[in-house]
Amino acid sequence: MLLFTFVMGIGGIADAASALYRFDNTSQAQRFQTLTEQLRCLVCQGESIADSNADLAKDLRSQVHEMILAGHSNEQIMQFMTERYGDFILYKPPFVPRTYFLWAGPLLLLLLASLVMIKYVGRARRDKQSIVLQQGERERLSRLLGESREPETDRTQT
């Protein structure tokens, strides 16, 4: 029940944010909701500007609202935002040469982490085998030394 109340409260916050803005018709309100959900909050980075309460997100929502009322198309609004803030503002940046790192970055980090892990595990195995061999050699050596010392102690006692 508590989870349901929490989820409904978050949904209510998003609806309340869009209710603050007045539009001439419902299609403008729907465009506003769609556009603000497609733009990333540059402060929060994990939220859209529709969901964020950061001051920058509020300013961006106001900018989108003004541009919709001024008759700008969705493409014009998105182009304005990317020209001003870069492709990082988009939750789904285009796959073009300047955004290859955005798309490939997580894969490269995963690959790098895998290589480090393979190297670490390989080193740990080699060190463990080395320790096992050393311990085996130490036991053999102590047996050999122990056997050779016993006769010496017998000689000194006689």
N, C-alpha and C. Protein backbone atom coordinates (compact mmCIF):
# COMPACT_ATOMS: atom_id res chain seq x y z
N MET A 1 0.83 -1.18 0.00
CA MET A 1 0.00 0.00 0.00
C MET A 1 0.88 1.25 0.00
N LEU A 2 1.94 1.22 0.79
CA LEU A 2 2.85 2.35 0.86
C LEU A 2 3.53 2.58 -0.49
N LEU A 3 3.92 1.49 -1.15
CA LEU A 3 4.55 1.60 -2.47
C LEU A 3 3.59 2.21 -3.48
N PHE A 4 2.34 1.78 -3.45
CA PHE A 4 1.32 2.33 -4.35
C PHE A 4 1.16 3.83 -4.12
N THR A 5 1.10 4.25 -2.87
CA THR A 5 0.97 5.67 -2.55
C THR A 5 2.18 6.45 -3.04
N PHE A 6 3.36 5.88 -2.88
CA PHE A 6 4.59 6.53 -3.34
C PHE A 6 4.59 6.71 -4.85
N VAL A 7 4.27 5.63 -5.57
CA VAL A 7 4.24 5.67 -7.04
C VAL A 7 3.20 6.67 -7.53
N MET A 8 2.05 6.66 -6.93
CA MET A 8 0.99 7.59 -7.33
C MET A 8 1.40 9.03 -7.01
N GLY A 9 2.11 9.22 -5.93
CA GLY A 9 2.59 10.57 -5.57
C GLY A 9 3.57 11.10 -6.59
N ILE A 10 4.48 10.25 -7.07
CA ILE A 10 5.45 10.68 -8.09
C ILE A 10 4.72 11.00 -9.39
N GLY A 11 3.77 10.18 -9.77
CA GLY A 11 2.98 10.46 -10.98
C GLY A 11 2.23 11.76 -10.83
N GLY A 12 1.75 12.04 -9.64
CA GLY A 12 1.02 13.28 -9.39
C GLY A 12 1.92 14.49 -9.51
N ILE A 13 3.19 14.35 -9.12
CA ILE A 13 4.14 15.45 -9.25
C ILE A 13 4.35 15.80 -10.71
N ALA A 14 4.51 14.78 -11.57
CA ALA A 14 4.70 15.03 -13.00
C ALA A 14 3.47 15.69 -13.60
N ASP A 15 2.28 15.23 -13.22
CA ASP A 15 1.06 15.84 -13.74
C ASP A 15 0.92 17.27 -13.23
N ALA A 16 1.29 17.51 -11.99
CA ALA A 16 1.20 18.85 -11.43
C ALA A 16 2.13 19.81 -12.16
N ALA A 17 3.32 19.31 -12.54
CA ALA A 17 4.27 20.18 -13.26
C ALA A 17 3.70 20.59 -14.60
N SER A 18 3.06 19.66 -15.32
CA SER A 18 2.50 20.02 -16.62
C SER A 18 1.24 20.86 -16.46
N ALA A 19 0.56 20.73 -15.31
CA ALA A 19 -0.65 21.53 -15.07
C ALA A 19 -0.32 22.99 -14.81
N LEU A 20 0.92 23.29 -14.46
CA LEU A 20 1.32 24.67 -14.23
C LEU A 20 1.36 25.49 -15.51
N TYR A 21 1.44 24.82 -16.61
CA TYR A 21 1.56 25.50 -17.90
C TYR A 21 0.22 25.47 -18.62
N ARG A 22 -0.18 26.59 -19.17
CA ARG A 22 -1.44 26.70 -19.89
C ARG A 22 -1.18 26.59 -21.39
N PHE A 23 -2.02 25.81 -22.06
CA PHE A 23 -1.89 25.62 -23.50
C PHE A 23 -3.21 25.96 -24.18
N ASP A 24 -3.13 26.22 -25.47
CA ASP A 24 -4.32 26.56 -26.24
C ASP A 24 -5.18 25.34 -26.52
N ASN A 25 -4.56 24.15 -26.58
CA ASN A 25 -5.31 22.93 -26.85
C ASN A 25 -4.59 21.73 -26.24
N THR A 26 -5.26 20.59 -26.27
CA THR A 26 -4.69 19.39 -25.63
C THR A 26 -3.50 18.83 -26.40
N SER A 27 -3.44 19.05 -27.70
CA SER A 27 -2.29 18.53 -28.46
C SER A 27 -1.01 19.25 -28.05
N GLN A 28 -1.10 20.53 -27.71
CA GLN A 28 0.08 21.25 -27.22
C GLN A 28 0.50 20.69 -25.86
N ALA A 29 -0.45 20.40 -25.01
CA ALA A 29 -0.13 19.83 -23.70
C ALA A 29 0.52 18.46 -23.85
N GLN A 30 0.02 17.66 -24.79
CA GLN A 30 0.61 16.34 -25.03
C GLN A 30 2.02 16.48 -25.60
N ARG A 31 2.22 17.42 -26.51
CA ARG A 31 3.57 17.68 -27.05
C ARG A 31 4.52 18.09 -25.94
N PHE A 32 4.04 18.96 -25.05
CA PHE A 32 4.85 19.41 -23.93
C PHE A 32 5.28 18.23 -23.07
N GLN A 33 4.32 17.36 -22.75
CA GLN A 33 4.63 16.19 -21.92
C GLN A 33 5.64 15.28 -22.62
N THR A 34 5.43 15.04 -23.91
CA THR A 34 6.33 14.17 -24.67
C THR A 34 7.74 14.76 -24.75
N LEU A 35 7.83 16.03 -25.06
CA LEU A 35 9.14 16.67 -25.21
C LEU A 35 9.88 16.72 -23.88
N THR A 36 9.20 17.08 -22.81
CA THR A 36 9.89 17.18 -21.52
C THR A 36 10.32 15.81 -20.99
N GLU A 37 9.66 14.75 -21.44
CA GLU A 37 10.08 13.41 -21.03
C GLU A 37 11.27 12.92 -21.85
N GLN A 38 11.49 13.51 -23.03
CA GLN A 38 12.61 13.11 -23.89
C GLN A 38 13.89 13.89 -23.59
N LEU A 39 13.79 14.93 -22.78
CA LEU A 39 14.96 15.74 -22.46
C LEU A 39 15.46 15.41 -21.06
N ARG A 40 16.76 15.20 -20.96
CA ARG A 40 17.41 14.82 -19.70
C ARG A 40 17.69 16.08 -18.88
N CYS A 41 17.46 15.99 -17.58
CA CYS A 41 17.85 17.07 -16.68
C CYS A 41 19.37 17.05 -16.58
N LEU A 42 20.00 18.16 -16.88
CA LEU A 42 21.46 18.20 -16.87
C LEU A 42 22.02 18.27 -15.46
N VAL A 43 21.18 18.59 -14.50
CA VAL A 43 21.61 18.61 -13.10
C VAL A 43 21.47 17.22 -12.50
N CYS A 44 20.29 16.62 -12.65
CA CYS A 44 20.01 15.31 -12.06
C CYS A 44 20.58 14.17 -12.90
N GLN A 45 20.56 14.30 -14.19
CA GLN A 45 21.07 13.36 -15.18
C GLN A 45 20.33 12.03 -15.20
N GLY A 46 19.67 11.65 -14.15
CA GLY A 46 18.93 10.41 -14.15
C GLY A 46 17.45 10.63 -14.33
N GLU A 47 17.05 11.88 -14.45
CA GLU A 47 15.63 12.21 -14.58
C GLU A 47 15.41 13.07 -15.82
N SER A 48 14.20 13.02 -16.31
CA SER A 48 13.84 13.92 -17.41
C SER A 48 13.52 15.28 -16.81
N ILE A 49 13.44 16.29 -17.66
CA ILE A 49 13.07 17.61 -17.13
C ILE A 49 11.61 17.62 -16.69
N ALA A 50 10.82 16.66 -17.15
CA ALA A 50 9.43 16.56 -16.71
C ALA A 50 9.36 16.13 -15.24
N ASP A 51 10.31 15.31 -14.81
CA ASP A 51 10.29 14.74 -13.46
C ASP A 51 11.14 15.51 -12.46
N SER A 52 12.08 16.31 -12.94
CA SER A 52 13.05 16.96 -12.06
C SER A 52 12.50 18.25 -11.46
N ASN A 53 12.93 18.53 -10.24
CA ASN A 53 12.58 19.78 -9.58
C ASN A 53 13.76 20.75 -9.55
N ALA A 54 14.84 20.44 -10.25
CA ALA A 54 16.01 21.32 -10.30
C ALA A 54 15.63 22.63 -11.00
N ASP A 55 16.28 23.71 -10.61
CA ASP A 55 15.98 25.01 -11.21
C ASP A 55 16.21 25.00 -12.72
N LEU A 56 17.28 24.35 -13.17
CA LEU A 56 17.53 24.28 -14.61
C LEU A 56 16.41 23.54 -15.33
N ALA A 57 15.91 22.47 -14.74
CA ALA A 57 14.80 21.73 -15.35
C ALA A 57 13.55 22.61 -15.44
N LYS A 58 13.30 23.39 -14.42
CA LYS A 58 12.16 24.31 -14.45
C LYS A 58 12.33 25.33 -15.58
N ASP A 59 13.55 25.85 -15.72
CA ASP A 59 13.81 26.81 -16.80
C ASP A 59 13.64 26.16 -18.17
N LEU A 60 14.11 24.93 -18.32
CA LEU A 60 13.97 24.22 -19.59
C LEU A 60 12.51 23.92 -19.91
N ARG A 61 11.74 23.56 -18.89
CA ARG A 61 10.30 23.34 -19.11
C ARG A 61 9.63 24.63 -19.57
N SER A 62 10.00 25.74 -18.94
CA SER A 62 9.43 27.03 -19.35
C SER A 62 9.80 27.36 -20.79
N GLN A 63 11.05 27.06 -21.16
CA GLN A 63 11.51 27.31 -22.53
C GLN A 63 10.72 26.47 -23.52
N VAL A 64 10.52 25.19 -23.21
CA VAL A 64 9.74 24.31 -24.08
C VAL A 64 8.31 24.84 -24.19
N HIS A 65 7.72 25.25 -23.07
CA HIS A 65 6.37 25.79 -23.05
C HIS A 65 6.26 27.01 -23.97
N GLU A 66 7.19 27.94 -23.83
CA GLU A 66 7.17 29.15 -24.66
C GLU A 66 7.33 28.82 -26.14
N MET A 67 8.21 27.88 -26.44
CA MET A 67 8.44 27.53 -27.85
C MET A 67 7.21 26.84 -28.46
N ILE A 68 6.52 26.03 -27.68
CA ILE A 68 5.30 25.39 -28.17
C ILE A 68 4.24 26.45 -28.46
N LEU A 69 4.07 27.39 -27.52
CA LEU A 69 3.08 28.45 -27.72
C LEU A 69 3.46 29.35 -28.89
N ALA A 70 4.77 29.49 -29.17
CA ALA A 70 5.22 30.32 -30.28
C ALA A 70 5.07 29.60 -31.63
N GLY A 71 4.66 28.33 -31.60
CA GLY A 71 4.42 27.61 -32.84
C GLY A 71 5.59 26.82 -33.38
N HIS A 72 6.62 26.63 -32.58
CA HIS A 72 7.78 25.84 -33.02
C HIS A 72 7.39 24.36 -33.08
N SER A 73 7.97 23.65 -34.03
CA SER A 73 7.72 22.21 -34.15
C SER A 73 8.58 21.45 -33.13
N ASN A 74 8.24 20.19 -32.93
CA ASN A 74 9.03 19.35 -32.02
C ASN A 74 10.49 19.29 -32.47
N GLU A 75 10.71 19.16 -33.78
CA GLU A 75 12.07 19.09 -34.32
C GLU A 75 12.84 20.38 -34.04
N GLN A 76 12.17 21.52 -34.19
CA GLN A 76 12.83 22.80 -33.92
C GLN A 76 13.20 22.94 -32.44
N ILE A 77 12.31 22.49 -31.58
CA ILE A 77 12.58 22.57 -30.14
C ILE A 77 13.75 21.65 -29.78
N MET A 78 13.74 20.43 -30.30
CA MET A 78 14.82 19.50 -30.00
C MET A 78 16.15 20.01 -30.57
N GLN A 79 16.11 20.58 -31.76
CA GLN A 79 17.32 21.13 -32.37
C GLN A 79 17.86 22.28 -31.53
N PHE A 80 16.98 23.16 -31.06
CA PHE A 80 17.40 24.27 -30.20
C PHE A 80 18.08 23.74 -28.94
N MET A 81 17.47 22.75 -28.32
CA MET A 81 18.02 22.20 -27.07
C MET A 81 19.37 21.54 -27.30
N THR A 82 19.51 20.79 -28.38
CA THR A 82 20.80 20.12 -28.64
C THR A 82 21.87 21.10 -29.06
N GLU A 83 21.49 22.16 -29.78
CA GLU A 83 22.49 23.17 -30.14
C GLU A 83 22.98 23.90 -28.91
N ARG A 84 22.09 24.11 -27.97
CA ARG A 84 22.45 24.87 -26.76
C ARG A 84 23.15 24.00 -25.72
N TYR A 85 22.69 22.76 -25.54
CA TYR A 85 23.20 21.92 -24.45
C TYR A 85 23.93 20.66 -24.91
N GLY A 86 23.94 20.40 -26.19
CA GLY A 86 24.62 19.21 -26.70
C GLY A 86 23.70 18.00 -26.71
N ASP A 87 24.19 16.93 -27.31
CA ASP A 87 23.39 15.71 -27.45
C ASP A 87 23.13 15.01 -26.13
N PHE A 88 23.89 15.34 -25.11
CA PHE A 88 23.71 14.69 -23.82
C PHE A 88 22.34 14.99 -23.23
N ILE A 89 21.73 16.08 -23.64
CA ILE A 89 20.40 16.43 -23.11
C ILE A 89 19.33 15.47 -23.59
N LEU A 90 19.60 14.75 -24.65
CA LEU A 90 18.63 13.81 -25.20
C LEU A 90 18.78 12.45 -24.53
N TYR A 91 17.66 11.85 -24.14
CA TYR A 91 17.72 10.50 -23.60
C TYR A 91 18.12 9.50 -24.67
N LYS A 92 17.76 9.77 -25.92
CA LYS A 92 18.15 8.91 -27.03
C LYS A 92 18.89 9.76 -28.06
N PRO A 93 20.18 9.99 -27.84
CA PRO A 93 20.93 10.80 -28.81
C PRO A 93 21.05 10.08 -30.15
N PRO A 94 21.16 10.82 -31.24
CA PRO A 94 21.28 10.18 -32.55
C PRO A 94 22.61 9.43 -32.66
N PHE A 95 22.63 8.39 -33.48
CA PHE A 95 23.86 7.61 -33.69
C PHE A 95 24.63 8.21 -34.86
N VAL A 96 25.40 9.23 -34.54
CA VAL A 96 26.22 9.94 -35.53
C VAL A 96 27.64 9.99 -34.97
N PRO A 97 28.63 10.32 -35.81
CA PRO A 97 30.02 10.29 -35.34
C PRO A 97 30.28 11.05 -34.04
N ARG A 98 29.64 12.18 -33.85
CA ARG A 98 29.92 12.95 -32.63
C ARG A 98 29.32 12.32 -31.38
N THR A 99 28.41 11.34 -31.54
CA THR A 99 27.81 10.68 -30.38
C THR A 99 28.24 9.23 -30.24
N TYR A 100 29.19 8.79 -31.03
CA TYR A 100 29.64 7.40 -30.93
C TYR A 100 30.07 7.07 -29.51
N PHE A 101 30.77 8.01 -28.86
CA PHE A 101 31.24 7.74 -27.50
C PHE A 101 30.07 7.57 -26.53
N LEU A 102 29.00 8.36 -26.72
CA LEU A 102 27.83 8.20 -25.85
C LEU A 102 27.22 6.81 -25.99
N TRP A 103 27.19 6.30 -27.21
CA TRP A 103 26.63 4.98 -27.45
C TRP A 103 27.61 3.87 -27.08
N ALA A 104 28.88 4.06 -27.39
CA ALA A 104 29.87 3.00 -27.17
C ALA A 104 30.50 3.07 -25.77
N GLY A 105 30.35 4.19 -25.09
CA GLY A 105 30.96 4.36 -23.77
C GLY A 105 30.65 3.25 -22.79
N PRO A 106 29.38 2.92 -22.58
CA PRO A 106 29.07 1.83 -21.64
C PRO A 106 29.68 0.49 -22.06
N LEU A 107 29.68 0.22 -23.37
CA LEU A 107 30.27 -1.02 -23.86
C LEU A 107 31.78 -1.03 -23.62
N LEU A 108 32.42 0.11 -23.88
CA LEU A 108 33.87 0.20 -23.65
C LEU A 108 34.20 0.04 -22.17
N LEU A 109 33.40 0.63 -21.30
CA LEU A 109 33.63 0.47 -19.86
C LEU A 109 33.45 -0.98 -19.42
N LEU A 110 32.45 -1.65 -19.98
CA LEU A 110 32.24 -3.06 -19.67
C LEU A 110 33.42 -3.90 -20.15
N LEU A 111 33.90 -3.63 -21.34
CA LEU A 111 35.05 -4.34 -21.89
C LEU A 111 36.29 -4.11 -21.03
N LEU A 112 36.52 -2.86 -20.66
CA LEU A 112 37.68 -2.54 -19.82
C LEU A 112 37.58 -3.24 -18.47
N ALA A 113 36.39 -3.22 -17.87
CA ALA A 113 36.20 -3.89 -16.58
C ALA A 113 36.42 -5.40 -16.71
N SER A 114 35.99 -5.98 -17.82
CA SER A 114 36.19 -7.42 -18.05
C SER A 114 37.66 -7.74 -18.18
N LEU A 115 38.41 -6.91 -18.91
CA LEU A 115 39.84 -7.15 -19.06
C LEU A 115 40.57 -7.05 -17.73
N VAL A 116 40.21 -6.06 -16.93
CA VAL A 116 40.83 -5.92 -15.61
C VAL A 116 40.50 -7.13 -14.75
N MET A 117 39.25 -7.57 -14.81
CA MET A 117 38.84 -8.72 -14.01
C MET A 117 39.58 -9.98 -14.46
N ILE A 118 39.71 -10.19 -15.75
CA ILE A 118 40.42 -11.37 -16.26
C ILE A 118 41.88 -11.34 -15.81
N LYS A 119 42.48 -10.17 -15.90
CA LYS A 119 43.88 -10.04 -15.47
C LYS A 119 44.00 -10.29 -13.98
N TYR A 120 43.09 -9.75 -13.19
CA TYR A 120 43.13 -9.91 -11.74
C TYR A 120 42.91 -11.37 -11.35
N VAL A 121 41.93 -12.01 -11.95
CA VAL A 121 41.64 -13.43 -11.63
C VAL A 121 42.82 -14.30 -12.06
N GLY A 122 43.39 -14.03 -13.23
CA GLY A 122 44.55 -14.80 -13.69
C GLY A 122 45.73 -14.66 -12.75
N ARG A 123 45.97 -13.43 -12.29
CA ARG A 123 47.07 -13.19 -11.35
C ARG A 123 46.80 -13.89 -10.03
N ALA A 124 45.57 -13.83 -9.57
CA ALA A 124 45.23 -14.47 -8.30
C ALA A 124 45.42 -15.98 -8.40
N ARG A 125 45.05 -16.57 -9.52
CA ARG A 125 45.25 -18.02 -9.70
C ARG A 125 46.73 -18.38 -9.72
N ARG A 126 47.51 -17.58 -10.44
CA ARG A 126 48.96 -17.84 -10.50
C ARG A 126 49.57 -17.70 -9.11
N ASP A 127 49.17 -16.67 -8.37
CA ASP A 127 49.71 -16.48 -7.03
C ASP A 127 49.30 -17.63 -6.12
N LYS A 128 48.07 -18.11 -6.24
CA LYS A 128 47.60 -19.21 -5.42
C LYS A 128 48.38 -20.49 -5.74
N GLN A 129 48.60 -20.75 -7.03
CA GLN A 129 49.38 -21.92 -7.41
C GLN A 129 50.80 -21.79 -6.90
N SER A 130 51.34 -20.60 -6.97
CA SER A 130 52.70 -20.37 -6.49
C SER A 130 52.78 -20.61 -4.99
N ILE A 131 51.79 -20.15 -4.26
CA ILE A 131 51.77 -20.35 -2.81
C ILE A 131 51.62 -21.83 -2.48
N VAL A 132 50.77 -22.52 -3.21
CA VAL A 132 50.57 -23.95 -2.97
C VAL A 132 51.88 -24.69 -3.22
N LEU A 133 52.56 -24.38 -4.30
CA LEU A 133 53.84 -25.02 -4.58
C LEU A 133 54.85 -24.69 -3.51
N GLN A 134 54.88 -23.47 -3.08
CA GLN A 134 55.83 -23.10 -2.04
C GLN A 134 55.53 -23.82 -0.74
N GLN A 135 54.26 -23.93 -0.40
CA GLN A 135 53.91 -24.65 0.82
C GLN A 135 54.28 -26.12 0.71
N GLY A 136 54.05 -26.72 -0.46
CA GLY A 136 54.43 -28.12 -0.67
C GLY A 136 55.93 -28.30 -0.58
N GLU A 137 56.64 -27.38 -1.12
CA GLU A 137 58.10 -27.46 -1.05
C GLU A 137 58.57 -27.27 0.38
N ARG A 138 57.92 -26.38 1.11
CA ARG A 138 58.31 -26.15 2.50
C ARG A 138 58.08 -27.41 3.34
N GLU A 139 56.96 -28.08 3.12
CA GLU A 139 56.69 -29.31 3.87
C GLU A 139 57.73 -30.37 3.55
N ARG A 140 58.05 -30.51 2.31
CA ARG A 140 59.06 -31.50 1.91
C ARG A 140 60.42 -31.13 2.50
N LEU A 141 60.73 -29.85 2.45
CA LEU A 141 62.00 -29.38 2.99
C LEU A 141 62.06 -29.60 4.49
N SER A 142 60.96 -29.30 5.19
CA SER A 142 60.98 -29.49 6.64
C SER A 142 61.11 -30.97 7.00
N ARG A 143 60.50 -31.85 6.19
CA ARG A 143 60.66 -33.28 6.43
C ARG A 143 62.11 -33.71 6.23
N LEU A 144 62.70 -33.22 5.14
CA LEU A 144 64.09 -33.57 4.87
C LEU A 144 65.01 -33.03 5.95
N LEU A 145 64.78 -31.78 6.33
CA LEU A 145 65.62 -31.19 7.38
C LEU A 145 65.36 -31.85 8.73
N GLY A 146 64.11 -32.17 8.98
CA GLY A 146 63.77 -32.83 10.24
C GLY A 146 64.41 -34.19 10.34
N GLU A 147 64.46 -34.95 9.24
CA GLU A 147 65.08 -36.26 9.24
C GLU A 147 66.58 -36.15 9.40
N SER A 148 67.17 -35.15 8.79
CA SER A 148 68.62 -35.02 8.90
C SER A 148 69.03 -34.48 10.26
N ARG A 149 68.15 -33.75 10.94
CA ARG A 149 68.49 -33.19 12.24
C ARG A 149 68.36 -34.25 13.34
N GLU A 150 67.44 -35.15 13.17
CA GLU A 150 67.25 -36.15 14.21
C GLU A 150 68.51 -36.98 14.43
N PRO A 151 69.16 -37.44 13.36
CA PRO A 151 70.38 -38.19 13.64
C PRO A 151 71.45 -37.33 14.30
N GLU A 152 71.48 -36.04 13.94
CA GLU A 152 72.49 -35.16 14.55
C GLU A 152 72.23 -35.02 16.03
N THR A 153 70.97 -34.87 16.43
CA THR A 153 70.65 -34.73 17.85
C THR A 153 70.98 -36.02 18.58
N ASP A 154 70.78 -37.16 17.92
CA ASP A 154 71.13 -38.43 18.54
C ASP A 154 72.63 -38.52 18.77
N ARG A 155 73.41 -38.03 17.83
CA ARG A 155 74.87 -38.09 17.95
C ARG A 155 75.35 -37.23 19.10
N THR A 156 74.73 -36.06 19.27
CA THR A 156 75.23 -35.16 20.31
C THR A 156 74.83 -35.67 21.69
N GLN A 157 73.78 -36.45 21.77
CA GLN A 157 73.35 -36.96 23.07
C GLN A 157 74.22 -38.15 23.48
N THR A 158 74.84 -38.85 22.54
CA THR A 158 75.63 -40.01 22.91
C THR A 158 77.05 -39.70 23.22
